[in-house]
Structure formats: C-alpha cells, structure tokens
C-alpha cells in the first residue's frame, strides 16, 4: 500500500511558475512508476506527465510539453512537477499517482495507476 500526499498548488498569474511535490509513504517508492494528472471542473482526468522507477526518459501530455518537467528523488520518496509558463487553461486539481512497475513503458491513462493522492488545486489567473 502506498499513500501519496501532494503539495505546492496555489494561485499564480499567467506566465508564472509553480512546483508541485508528491511524497509517498512506504519503502518501495523506487519500484513505482509515477504520474501526474489533472482534472478541471466537469471534465475528465487528463494525463500530464509520467516518470519511471529510475527517473528515465519521462513522458508528457501534448499540452504541457516544453513547459512542465517531472522529476523524482527516490531518497526522499518524492516526485515533483515543475510548471513554467503557466496558462489559465492549466487551472485544475492536480493529482499524483503511482503504479508498481519497473518497466520502461510509461502509462498515460488514469486506470493504469493503482494509488492516488488527494489532489492539489492550481489556479492560473489571466
């Protein structure tokens, strides 16, 4: 069982930056692929970014490529999402997710992940 706790959300102006963090409980964090998803009101949960167990080549959703960066620190049981050049359309609740996997293949669908955090709100004003 893995518990995930996100932090770092908030209100920022368009063009600004935020860094989200997700801390995982347990000793097996380094064996999990990690992902970030987001969900705006009334919309489906969408893939943002994913990184595999050893921090290899990450994968990004098309709408955030070149602006967001996912990284992880296995010693701290933490995955990060650095968000730059934020836009109003980035406004959503951001969720951290984990799936036990040491594959190099990264999943982009919510149903592929087994564990979820409670989410953190990101609001970008125009």
N, C-alpha and C. Protein backbone atom coordinates (compact mmCIF):
# COMPACT_ATOMS: atom_id res chain seq x y z
N UNK A 1 0.84 -1.18 0.00
CA UNK A 1 0.00 0.00 0.00
C UNK A 1 0.88 1.24 0.00
N UNK A 2 0.51 2.21 -0.82
CA UNK A 2 1.25 3.46 -0.92
C UNK A 2 0.28 4.60 -0.65
N UNK A 3 0.69 5.54 0.17
CA UNK A 3 -0.09 6.75 0.38
C UNK A 3 0.66 7.92 -0.23
N UNK A 4 -0.07 8.77 -0.94
CA UNK A 4 0.52 9.89 -1.66
C UNK A 4 -0.07 11.19 -1.14
N UNK A 5 0.79 12.17 -0.91
CA UNK A 5 0.34 13.48 -0.43
C UNK A 5 0.96 14.56 -1.31
N UNK A 6 0.11 15.29 -2.02
CA UNK A 6 0.58 16.38 -2.88
C UNK A 6 0.61 17.70 -2.12
N UNK A 7 1.45 18.59 -2.58
CA UNK A 7 1.52 19.95 -2.05
C UNK A 7 2.09 20.87 -3.12
N UNK A 8 1.97 22.17 -2.88
CA UNK A 8 2.58 23.12 -3.78
C UNK A 8 1.63 23.86 -4.69
N UNK A 9 0.36 23.48 -4.66
CA UNK A 9 -0.60 24.19 -5.50
C UNK A 9 -0.86 25.59 -4.98
N UNK A 10 -1.60 26.36 -5.76
CA UNK A 10 -1.92 27.72 -5.35
C UNK A 10 -2.42 28.55 -6.50
N UNK A 11 -2.47 29.85 -6.26
CA UNK A 11 -2.92 30.82 -7.25
C UNK A 11 -1.70 31.54 -7.84
N UNK A 12 -1.63 31.58 -9.16
CA UNK A 12 -0.50 32.22 -9.82
C UNK A 12 -1.00 32.93 -11.07
N UNK A 13 -0.32 33.99 -11.45
CA UNK A 13 -0.69 34.70 -12.66
C UNK A 13 -0.17 33.96 -13.89
N UNK A 14 -0.83 34.19 -15.00
CA UNK A 14 -0.39 33.60 -16.25
C UNK A 14 1.07 33.99 -16.51
N UNK A 15 1.83 33.00 -16.96
CA UNK A 15 3.25 33.20 -17.20
C UNK A 15 4.12 32.84 -16.01
N UNK A 16 3.50 32.62 -14.88
CA UNK A 16 4.23 32.28 -13.67
C UNK A 16 4.58 30.80 -13.57
N UNK A 17 5.15 30.44 -12.42
CA UNK A 17 5.61 29.07 -12.19
C UNK A 17 5.14 28.55 -10.84
N UNK A 18 5.00 27.26 -10.78
CA UNK A 18 4.74 26.56 -9.52
C UNK A 18 5.48 25.23 -9.57
N UNK A 19 5.84 24.72 -8.39
CA UNK A 19 6.40 23.38 -8.31
C UNK A 19 5.55 22.56 -7.36
N UNK A 20 4.99 21.50 -7.90
CA UNK A 20 4.22 20.56 -7.09
C UNK A 20 5.13 19.46 -6.58
N UNK A 21 4.82 18.99 -5.37
CA UNK A 21 5.54 17.86 -4.79
C UNK A 21 4.55 16.78 -4.40
N UNK A 22 4.99 15.56 -4.44
CA UNK A 22 4.18 14.43 -4.01
C UNK A 22 5.08 13.50 -3.22
N UNK A 23 4.76 13.37 -1.94
CA UNK A 23 5.53 12.50 -1.07
C UNK A 23 4.80 11.18 -0.88
N UNK A 24 5.52 10.09 -1.05
CA UNK A 24 4.94 8.76 -0.93
C UNK A 24 5.40 8.08 0.35
N UNK A 25 4.49 7.34 0.96
CA UNK A 25 4.86 6.55 2.12
C UNK A 25 5.40 5.21 1.66
N UNK A 26 6.06 4.49 2.55
CA UNK A 26 6.49 3.15 2.24
C UNK A 26 7.92 3.07 1.75
N UNK A 27 8.45 1.86 1.73
CA UNK A 27 9.85 1.65 1.39
C UNK A 27 10.08 1.28 -0.06
N UNK A 28 8.97 1.13 -0.81
CA UNK A 28 9.10 0.60 -2.16
C UNK A 28 8.89 1.66 -3.22
N UNK A 29 9.03 2.92 -2.86
CA UNK A 29 8.80 4.01 -3.80
C UNK A 29 9.63 3.85 -5.06
N UNK A 30 10.85 3.40 -4.91
CA UNK A 30 11.75 3.30 -6.07
C UNK A 30 11.33 2.23 -7.07
N UNK A 31 10.34 1.43 -6.72
CA UNK A 31 9.86 0.41 -7.65
C UNK A 31 8.59 0.83 -8.38
N UNK A 32 8.17 2.07 -8.18
CA UNK A 32 6.92 2.56 -8.75
C UNK A 32 7.18 3.54 -9.89
N UNK A 33 6.38 3.42 -10.93
CA UNK A 33 6.26 4.50 -11.90
C UNK A 33 5.32 5.54 -11.32
N UNK A 34 5.62 6.80 -11.57
CA UNK A 34 4.82 7.88 -11.00
C UNK A 34 4.25 8.76 -12.11
N UNK A 35 3.05 9.26 -11.87
CA UNK A 35 2.43 10.11 -12.87
C UNK A 35 1.73 11.29 -12.22
N UNK A 36 1.54 12.31 -13.03
CA UNK A 36 0.72 13.47 -12.65
C UNK A 36 -0.44 13.55 -13.64
N UNK A 37 -1.62 13.79 -13.08
CA UNK A 37 -2.83 14.00 -13.88
C UNK A 37 -3.49 15.27 -13.39
N UNK A 38 -4.40 15.80 -14.18
CA UNK A 38 -5.15 16.96 -13.74
C UNK A 38 -6.60 16.84 -14.18
N UNK A 39 -7.46 17.50 -13.41
CA UNK A 39 -8.88 17.45 -13.70
C UNK A 39 -9.51 18.80 -13.42
N UNK A 40 -10.08 19.38 -14.46
CA UNK A 40 -10.81 20.64 -14.34
C UNK A 40 -12.27 20.32 -14.04
N UNK A 41 -13.01 21.26 -13.46
CA UNK A 41 -14.41 21.01 -13.12
C UNK A 41 -15.23 20.57 -14.32
N UNK A 42 -15.96 19.47 -14.15
CA UNK A 42 -16.81 18.98 -15.21
C UNK A 42 -16.11 18.28 -16.35
N UNK A 43 -14.80 18.07 -16.21
CA UNK A 43 -14.05 17.44 -17.28
C UNK A 43 -13.38 16.17 -16.78
N UNK A 44 -12.91 15.36 -17.72
CA UNK A 44 -12.27 14.11 -17.35
C UNK A 44 -10.85 14.36 -16.83
N UNK A 45 -10.34 13.36 -16.15
CA UNK A 45 -8.98 13.43 -15.63
C UNK A 45 -8.00 13.17 -16.77
N UNK A 46 -7.05 14.08 -16.95
CA UNK A 46 -6.14 14.03 -18.08
C UNK A 46 -4.69 13.81 -17.66
N UNK A 47 -3.98 13.11 -18.51
CA UNK A 47 -2.56 12.84 -18.28
C UNK A 47 -1.74 14.11 -18.44
N UNK A 48 -0.80 14.31 -17.51
CA UNK A 48 0.11 15.45 -17.58
C UNK A 48 1.55 14.98 -17.83
N UNK A 49 2.03 14.08 -16.97
CA UNK A 49 3.41 13.64 -17.10
C UNK A 49 3.60 12.33 -16.34
N UNK A 50 4.63 11.58 -16.72
CA UNK A 50 4.96 10.34 -16.02
C UNK A 50 6.46 10.11 -16.06
N UNK A 51 6.94 9.38 -15.07
CA UNK A 51 8.36 9.07 -14.98
C UNK A 51 8.51 7.67 -14.43
N UNK A 52 9.46 6.93 -14.94
CA UNK A 52 9.57 5.55 -14.48
C UNK A 52 10.40 5.44 -13.22
N UNK A 53 10.60 4.21 -12.77
CA UNK A 53 11.12 3.99 -11.42
C UNK A 53 12.51 4.56 -11.21
N UNK A 54 13.32 4.63 -12.25
CA UNK A 54 14.69 5.11 -12.06
C UNK A 54 14.90 6.52 -12.64
N UNK A 55 13.80 7.21 -12.92
CA UNK A 55 13.93 8.57 -13.41
C UNK A 55 14.35 8.67 -14.86
N UNK A 56 14.12 7.61 -15.61
CA UNK A 56 14.49 7.61 -17.01
C UNK A 56 13.67 8.59 -17.83
N UNK A 57 13.74 8.45 -19.14
CA UNK A 57 13.11 9.41 -20.05
C UNK A 57 11.63 9.57 -19.71
N UNK A 58 11.20 10.77 -19.33
CA UNK A 58 9.80 10.98 -18.95
C UNK A 58 8.90 11.13 -20.17
N UNK A 59 7.63 11.19 -19.89
CA UNK A 59 6.63 11.35 -20.95
C UNK A 59 5.68 12.46 -20.52
N UNK A 60 5.23 13.25 -21.50
CA UNK A 60 4.39 14.41 -21.21
C UNK A 60 3.16 14.45 -22.11
N UNK A 61 2.10 15.04 -21.56
CA UNK A 61 0.95 15.32 -22.38
C UNK A 61 1.28 16.43 -23.37
N UNK A 62 0.62 16.44 -24.50
CA UNK A 62 0.94 17.40 -25.55
C UNK A 62 0.78 18.84 -25.08
N UNK A 63 -0.19 19.10 -24.24
CA UNK A 63 -0.48 20.48 -23.85
C UNK A 63 0.55 21.06 -22.88
N UNK A 64 1.43 20.23 -22.32
CA UNK A 64 2.39 20.74 -21.34
C UNK A 64 3.84 20.55 -21.78
N UNK A 65 4.06 19.92 -22.91
CA UNK A 65 5.42 19.69 -23.40
C UNK A 65 6.16 21.02 -23.54
N UNK A 66 7.40 21.04 -23.04
CA UNK A 66 8.22 22.23 -23.13
C UNK A 66 7.98 23.22 -22.01
N UNK A 67 6.93 23.01 -21.22
CA UNK A 67 6.63 23.92 -20.11
C UNK A 67 6.74 23.23 -18.74
N UNK A 68 6.37 21.97 -18.68
CA UNK A 68 6.38 21.22 -17.42
C UNK A 68 7.53 20.21 -17.43
N UNK A 69 8.07 19.96 -16.23
CA UNK A 69 9.12 18.96 -16.07
C UNK A 69 8.83 18.09 -14.86
N UNK A 70 8.82 16.79 -15.08
CA UNK A 70 8.64 15.85 -13.97
C UNK A 70 10.00 15.31 -13.57
N UNK A 71 10.18 15.12 -12.27
CA UNK A 71 11.42 14.54 -11.76
C UNK A 71 11.10 13.79 -10.47
N UNK A 72 12.06 13.02 -10.00
CA UNK A 72 11.85 12.29 -8.76
C UNK A 72 13.15 12.18 -7.97
N UNK A 73 13.00 12.05 -6.68
CA UNK A 73 14.13 11.83 -5.78
C UNK A 73 13.77 10.61 -4.95
N UNK A 74 14.30 9.46 -5.32
CA UNK A 74 13.93 8.23 -4.62
C UNK A 74 14.40 8.22 -3.17
N UNK A 75 15.46 8.95 -2.88
CA UNK A 75 15.94 9.01 -1.49
C UNK A 75 14.96 9.75 -0.60
N UNK A 76 14.16 10.62 -1.20
CA UNK A 76 13.18 11.39 -0.44
C UNK A 76 11.74 10.91 -0.67
N UNK A 77 11.59 9.83 -1.43
CA UNK A 77 10.25 9.31 -1.73
C UNK A 77 9.35 10.40 -2.32
N UNK A 78 9.91 11.21 -3.20
CA UNK A 78 9.19 12.37 -3.70
C UNK A 78 9.28 12.47 -5.22
N UNK A 79 8.16 12.85 -5.81
CA UNK A 79 8.13 13.18 -7.24
C UNK A 79 7.68 14.64 -7.35
N UNK A 80 8.25 15.33 -8.32
CA UNK A 80 7.99 16.76 -8.49
C UNK A 80 7.40 17.03 -9.87
N UNK A 81 6.68 18.14 -9.94
CA UNK A 81 6.22 18.65 -11.23
C UNK A 81 6.51 20.14 -11.25
N UNK A 82 7.53 20.52 -12.00
CA UNK A 82 7.86 21.92 -12.19
C UNK A 82 7.02 22.46 -13.34
N UNK A 83 6.25 23.48 -13.07
CA UNK A 83 5.34 24.03 -14.07
C UNK A 83 5.73 25.47 -14.36
N UNK A 84 6.14 25.73 -15.58
CA UNK A 84 6.55 27.06 -16.01
C UNK A 84 5.60 27.57 -17.10
N UNK A 85 5.65 28.86 -17.32
CA UNK A 85 4.83 29.49 -18.37
C UNK A 85 3.37 29.06 -18.24
N UNK A 86 2.86 29.15 -17.05
CA UNK A 86 1.51 28.66 -16.79
C UNK A 86 0.47 29.49 -17.54
N UNK A 87 -0.60 28.81 -17.95
CA UNK A 87 -1.69 29.42 -18.70
C UNK A 87 -3.00 29.22 -17.93
N UNK A 88 -3.97 30.07 -18.17
CA UNK A 88 -5.27 29.87 -17.49
C UNK A 88 -5.85 28.48 -17.72
N UNK A 89 -5.61 27.91 -18.88
CA UNK A 89 -6.14 26.57 -19.17
C UNK A 89 -5.43 25.47 -18.39
N UNK A 90 -4.38 25.80 -17.66
CA UNK A 90 -3.74 24.82 -16.78
C UNK A 90 -4.47 24.70 -15.44
N UNK A 91 -5.44 25.57 -15.22
CA UNK A 91 -6.20 25.54 -13.97
C UNK A 91 -6.92 24.20 -13.81
N UNK A 92 -6.67 23.54 -12.68
CA UNK A 92 -7.25 22.23 -12.43
C UNK A 92 -6.79 21.75 -11.05
N UNK A 93 -7.37 20.65 -10.62
CA UNK A 93 -6.83 19.92 -9.48
C UNK A 93 -5.80 18.94 -10.04
N UNK A 94 -4.62 18.96 -9.48
CA UNK A 94 -3.53 18.10 -9.93
C UNK A 94 -3.36 16.93 -8.97
N UNK A 95 -3.31 15.74 -9.55
CA UNK A 95 -3.21 14.52 -8.78
C UNK A 95 -1.91 13.79 -9.09
N UNK A 96 -1.33 13.26 -8.04
CA UNK A 96 -0.17 12.38 -8.15
C UNK A 96 -0.68 10.94 -8.14
N UNK A 97 -0.04 10.07 -8.92
CA UNK A 97 -0.48 8.68 -8.99
C UNK A 97 0.73 7.76 -9.07
N UNK A 98 0.54 6.53 -8.61
CA UNK A 98 1.64 5.56 -8.60
C UNK A 98 1.15 4.21 -9.10
N UNK A 99 2.05 3.53 -9.80
CA UNK A 99 1.76 2.16 -10.19
C UNK A 99 3.03 1.34 -10.03
N UNK A 100 2.91 0.14 -9.42
CA UNK A 100 4.10 -0.69 -9.23
C UNK A 100 4.58 -1.21 -10.58
N UNK A 101 5.74 -0.73 -11.01
CA UNK A 101 6.24 -1.13 -12.31
C UNK A 101 7.71 -0.75 -12.43
N UNK A 102 8.49 -1.66 -12.97
CA UNK A 102 9.87 -1.34 -13.31
C UNK A 102 10.07 -1.46 -14.82
N UNK A 103 8.97 -1.31 -15.52
CA UNK A 103 9.04 -1.31 -16.98
C UNK A 103 9.47 0.07 -17.47
N UNK A 104 10.06 0.11 -18.65
CA UNK A 104 10.41 1.39 -19.24
C UNK A 104 9.20 2.04 -19.90
N UNK A 105 8.12 1.26 -20.04
CA UNK A 105 6.92 1.79 -20.67
C UNK A 105 6.15 2.63 -19.65
N UNK A 106 5.76 3.81 -20.05
CA UNK A 106 5.03 4.71 -19.16
C UNK A 106 3.57 4.78 -19.59
N UNK A 107 2.67 4.64 -18.62
CA UNK A 107 1.24 4.64 -18.90
C UNK A 107 0.68 6.05 -18.79
N UNK A 108 -0.32 6.32 -19.62
CA UNK A 108 -0.89 7.67 -19.65
C UNK A 108 -2.38 7.70 -19.33
N UNK A 109 -2.94 6.56 -18.96
CA UNK A 109 -4.37 6.53 -18.64
C UNK A 109 -4.56 6.39 -17.13
N UNK A 110 -5.55 7.07 -16.58
CA UNK A 110 -5.75 7.01 -15.12
C UNK A 110 -5.97 5.59 -14.60
N UNK A 111 -6.65 4.77 -15.38
CA UNK A 111 -6.95 3.41 -14.90
C UNK A 111 -5.72 2.53 -14.79
N UNK A 112 -4.59 3.00 -15.33
CA UNK A 112 -3.34 2.23 -15.24
C UNK A 112 -2.66 2.39 -13.89
N UNK A 113 -3.09 3.35 -13.10
CA UNK A 113 -2.44 3.66 -11.83
C UNK A 113 -3.26 3.14 -10.67
N UNK A 114 -2.55 2.64 -9.66
CA UNK A 114 -3.21 1.98 -8.54
C UNK A 114 -3.44 2.88 -7.33
N UNK A 115 -2.60 3.87 -7.17
CA UNK A 115 -2.67 4.71 -5.98
C UNK A 115 -2.73 6.17 -6.38
N UNK A 116 -3.51 6.92 -5.60
CA UNK A 116 -3.74 8.33 -5.91
C UNK A 116 -3.65 9.19 -4.67
N UNK A 117 -3.17 10.42 -4.85
CA UNK A 117 -3.21 11.40 -3.79
C UNK A 117 -4.56 12.10 -3.76
N UNK A 118 -4.70 13.04 -2.85
CA UNK A 118 -5.96 13.74 -2.67
C UNK A 118 -6.10 14.92 -3.62
N UNK A 119 -5.02 15.31 -4.25
CA UNK A 119 -5.05 16.41 -5.20
C UNK A 119 -4.69 17.74 -4.58
N UNK A 120 -4.17 18.62 -5.43
CA UNK A 120 -3.84 19.98 -5.01
C UNK A 120 -4.32 20.94 -6.11
N UNK A 121 -4.96 22.01 -5.69
CA UNK A 121 -5.57 22.94 -6.64
C UNK A 121 -4.52 23.90 -7.21
N UNK A 122 -4.53 24.03 -8.51
CA UNK A 122 -3.71 25.02 -9.21
C UNK A 122 -4.66 25.95 -9.97
N UNK A 123 -4.55 27.23 -9.69
CA UNK A 123 -5.38 28.22 -10.36
C UNK A 123 -4.49 29.26 -11.01
N UNK A 124 -4.67 29.44 -12.32
CA UNK A 124 -3.87 30.40 -13.07
C UNK A 124 -4.80 31.52 -13.54
N UNK A 125 -4.50 32.72 -13.09
CA UNK A 125 -5.33 33.86 -13.46
C UNK A 125 -4.77 34.54 -14.70
N UNK A 126 -5.67 35.12 -15.47
CA UNK A 126 -5.24 35.78 -16.72
C UNK A 126 -4.92 37.25 -16.49
